[in-house]
Amino acid sequence: AQMSSSALSKFYAEAKAHRLPPGYSTAKDVLENLLIIDILFTSMQVSEVREIVTYGWGNFLGDVGGVLGLFLGASMFTIIEMLEFVILGAWKACCGKPKKHQVLT
């Protein structure tokens, strides 16, 4: 039950005859100006491409948390070292060994 292209174009023209564009008065006008393009494929092979997310939200949040932990940890060590420096400086200023005075003779 395959139709030839001329029978198919005649069928199309008759089906569209009730909605003719401006300038067309009959189905014959449509047939004279109808263009049919046959597209043939060389192979029926189909390729399917899928995109799979390998870096999800859990990985992202884990990486951000790791970086923040590294920076916060580094800044905590810096704060502790600064406190140590201030405390040791104050300790040496207050309770350190007394300076020896030279006696002039």
C-alpha atoms as a PDB file:
ATOM      1  CA  ALA A   1       0.000   0.000   0.000  1.00  0.00           C
ATOM      2  CA  GLN A   2       2.854   2.354  -0.842  1.00  0.00           C
ATOM      3  CA  MET A   3       1.930   5.480  -2.780  1.00  0.00           C
ATOM      4  CA  SER A   4       4.103   6.884  -5.540  1.00  0.00           C
ATOM      5  CA  SER A   5       5.405  10.398  -5.095  1.00  0.00           C
ATOM      6  CA  SER A   6       2.997  11.787  -7.727  1.00  0.00           C
ATOM      7  CA  ALA A   7       0.013  10.103  -6.044  1.00  0.00           C
ATOM      8  CA  LEU A   8       1.245  11.311  -2.681  1.00  0.00           C
ATOM      9  CA  SER A   9       1.614  14.900  -3.926  1.00  0.00           C
ATOM     10  CA  LYS A  10      -1.879  14.779  -5.457  1.00  0.00           C
ATOM     11  CA  PHE A  11      -3.237  13.459  -2.141  1.00  0.00           C
ATOM     12  CA  TYR A  12      -1.452  16.270  -0.286  1.00  0.00           C
ATOM     13  CA  ALA A  13      -2.753  18.937  -2.690  1.00  0.00           C
ATOM     14  CA  GLU A  14      -6.324  17.725  -2.364  1.00  0.00           C
ATOM     15  CA  ALA A  15      -6.046  17.535   1.431  1.00  0.00           C
ATOM     16  CA  LYS A  16      -4.767  21.111   1.617  1.00  0.00           C
ATOM     17  CA  ALA A  17      -7.161  22.517  -1.000  1.00  0.00           C
ATOM     18  CA  HIS A  18      -9.496  23.876   1.649  1.00  0.00           C
ATOM     19  CA  ARG A  19      -6.687  26.035   3.089  1.00  0.00           C
ATOM     20  CA  LEU A  20      -5.055  27.455   0.006  1.00  0.00           C
ATOM     21  CA  PRO A  21      -2.557  30.269   0.504  1.00  0.00           C
ATOM     22  CA  PRO A  22      -3.176  33.621  -1.190  1.00  0.00           C
ATOM     23  CA  GLY A  23      -2.538  33.436  -4.927  1.00  0.00           C
ATOM     24  CA  TYR A  24      -3.590  29.774  -5.241  1.00  0.00           C
ATOM     25  CA  SER A  25      -7.110  29.105  -6.474  1.00  0.00           C
ATOM     26  CA  THR A  26      -7.161  25.335  -7.091  1.00  0.00           C
ATOM     27  CA  ALA A  27      -5.429  22.148  -6.025  1.00  0.00           C
ATOM     28  CA  LYS A  28      -3.724  22.161  -9.446  1.00  0.00           C
ATOM     29  CA  ASP A  29      -1.929  25.412  -8.480  1.00  0.00           C
ATOM     30  CA  VAL A  30      -0.646  23.706  -5.349  1.00  0.00           C
ATOM     31  CA  LEU A  31       0.533  20.654  -7.353  1.00  0.00           C
ATOM     32  CA  GLU A  32       2.435  22.846  -9.814  1.00  0.00           C
ATOM     33  CA  ASN A  33       4.291  24.612  -6.988  1.00  0.00           C
ATOM     34  CA  LEU A  34       4.775  21.652  -4.660  1.00  0.00           C
ATOM     35  CA  LEU A  35       8.264  20.411  -3.909  1.00  0.00           C
ATOM     36  CA  ILE A  36       8.836  16.965  -2.432  1.00  0.00           C
ATOM     37  CA  ILE A  37      12.220  16.067  -1.033  1.00  0.00           C
ATOM     38  CA  ASP A  38      13.069  12.421  -0.377  1.00  0.00           C
ATOM     39  CA  ILE A  39      15.643  12.023   2.392  1.00  0.00           C
ATOM     40  CA  LEU A  40      17.379   8.660   2.368  1.00  0.00           C
ATOM     41  CA  PHE A  41      19.742   7.406   5.032  1.00  0.00           C
ATOM     42  CA  THR A  42      22.819   5.350   4.140  1.00  0.00           C
ATOM     43  CA  SER A  43      22.613   3.393   7.375  1.00  0.00           C
ATOM     44  CA  MET A  44      19.915   2.632   9.887  1.00  0.00           C
ATOM     45  CA  GLN A  45      22.460   2.624  12.710  1.00  0.00           C
ATOM     46  CA  VAL A  46      21.510   4.913  15.608  1.00  0.00           C
ATOM     47  CA  SER A  47      23.987   6.440  18.047  1.00  0.00           C
ATOM     48  CA  GLU A  48      22.851   7.377  21.509  1.00  0.00           C
ATOM     49  CA  VAL A  49      24.830   9.910  23.530  1.00  0.00           C
ATOM     50  CA  ARG A  50      24.239  10.152  27.261  1.00  0.00           C
ATOM     51  CA  GLU A  51      25.662  12.704  29.632  1.00  0.00           C
ATOM     52  CA  ILE A  52      26.256  11.340  33.103  1.00  0.00           C
ATOM     53  CA  VAL A  53      27.045  13.683  35.974  1.00  0.00           C
ATOM     54  CA  THR A  54      30.176  12.381  37.703  1.00  0.00           C
ATOM     55  CA  TYR A  55      30.732  15.366  39.970  1.00  0.00           C
ATOM     56  CA  GLY A  56      27.569  15.772  42.000  1.00  0.00           C
ATOM     57  CA  TRP A  57      26.482  18.078  44.787  1.00  0.00           C
ATOM     58  CA  GLY A  58      27.876  15.771  47.472  1.00  0.00           C
ATOM     59  CA  ASN A  59      31.359  15.892  45.955  1.00  0.00           C
ATOM     60  CA  PHE A  60      31.125  19.656  45.516  1.00  0.00           C
ATOM     61  CA  LEU A  61      30.082  20.266  49.129  1.00  0.00           C
ATOM     62  CA  GLY A  62      32.803  17.899  50.354  1.00  0.00           C
ATOM     63  CA  ASP A  63      35.471  19.760  48.372  1.00  0.00           C
ATOM     64  CA  VAL A  64      34.249  23.177  49.564  1.00  0.00           C
ATOM     65  CA  GLY A  65      34.186  21.921  53.161  1.00  0.00           C
ATOM     66  CA  GLY A  66      37.704  20.546  52.807  1.00  0.00           C
ATOM     67  CA  VAL A  67      39.064  23.819  51.451  1.00  0.00           C
ATOM     68  CA  LEU A  68      37.280  25.840  54.149  1.00  0.00           C
ATOM     69  CA  GLY A  69      38.618  23.469  56.796  1.00  0.00           C
ATOM     70  CA  LEU A  70      42.139  23.912  55.450  1.00  0.00           C
ATOM     71  CA  PHE A  71      41.896  27.707  55.495  1.00  0.00           C
ATOM     72  CA  LEU A  72      40.216  27.841  58.906  1.00  0.00           C
ATOM     73  CA  GLY A  73      42.782  25.408  60.296  1.00  0.00           C
ATOM     74  CA  ALA A  74      45.650  27.464  58.899  1.00  0.00           C
ATOM     75  CA  SER A  75      44.179  30.664  60.332  1.00  0.00           C
ATOM     76  CA  MET A  76      43.683  28.979  63.746  1.00  0.00           C
ATOM     77  CA  PHE A  77      47.375  28.011  63.795  1.00  0.00           C
ATOM     78  CA  THR A  78      48.272  31.586  62.894  1.00  0.00           C
ATOM     79  CA  ILE A  79      46.116  32.942  65.731  1.00  0.00           C
ATOM     80  CA  ILE A  80      47.644  30.475  68.204  1.00  0.00           C
ATOM     81  CA  GLU A  81      51.182  31.404  67.110  1.00  0.00           C
ATOM     82  CA  MET A  82      50.407  35.123  67.473  1.00  0.00           C
ATOM     83  CA  LEU A  83      49.001  34.546  70.985  1.00  0.00           C
ATOM     84  CA  GLU A  84      52.109  32.548  71.872  1.00  0.00           C
ATOM     85  CA  PHE A  85      54.320  35.369  70.607  1.00  0.00           C
ATOM     86  CA  VAL A  86      52.425  38.012  72.647  1.00  0.00           C
ATOM     87  CA  ILE A  87      52.345  35.875  75.811  1.00  0.00           C
ATOM     88  CA  LEU A  88      56.023  34.981  75.595  1.00  0.00           C
ATOM     89  CA  GLY A  89      56.920  38.618  74.879  1.00  0.00           C
ATOM     90  CA  ALA A  90      54.891  39.781  77.896  1.00  0.00           C
ATOM     91  CA  TRP A  91      56.404  37.037  80.049  1.00  0.00           C
ATOM     92  CA  LYS A  92      59.935  38.049  79.093  1.00  0.00           C
ATOM     93  CA  ALA A  93      59.133  41.734  79.673  1.00  0.00           C
ATOM     94  CA  CYS A  94      57.664  41.156  83.130  1.00  0.00           C
ATOM     95  CA  CYS A  95      59.318  38.094  84.542  1.00  0.00           C
ATOM     96  CA  GLY A  96      62.369  37.603  82.424  1.00  0.00           C
ATOM     97  CA  LYS A  97      65.934  37.623  83.757  1.00  0.00           C
ATOM     98  CA  PRO A  98      66.972  40.999  85.087  1.00  0.00           C
ATOM     99  CA  LYS A  99      69.437  42.866  82.924  1.00  0.00           C
ATOM    100  CA  LYS A 100      72.960  43.105  84.246  1.00  0.00           C
ATOM    101  CA  HIS A 101      74.132  46.622  84.767  1.00  0.00           C
ATOM    102  CA  GLN A 102      77.704  47.427  84.118  1.00  0.00           C
ATOM    103  CA  VAL A 103      79.449  49.235  86.856  1.00  0.00           C
ATOM    104  CA  LEU A 104      81.705  51.993  85.680  1.00  0.00           C
ATOM    105  CA  THR A 105      84.943  52.226  87.591  1.00  0.00           C
END
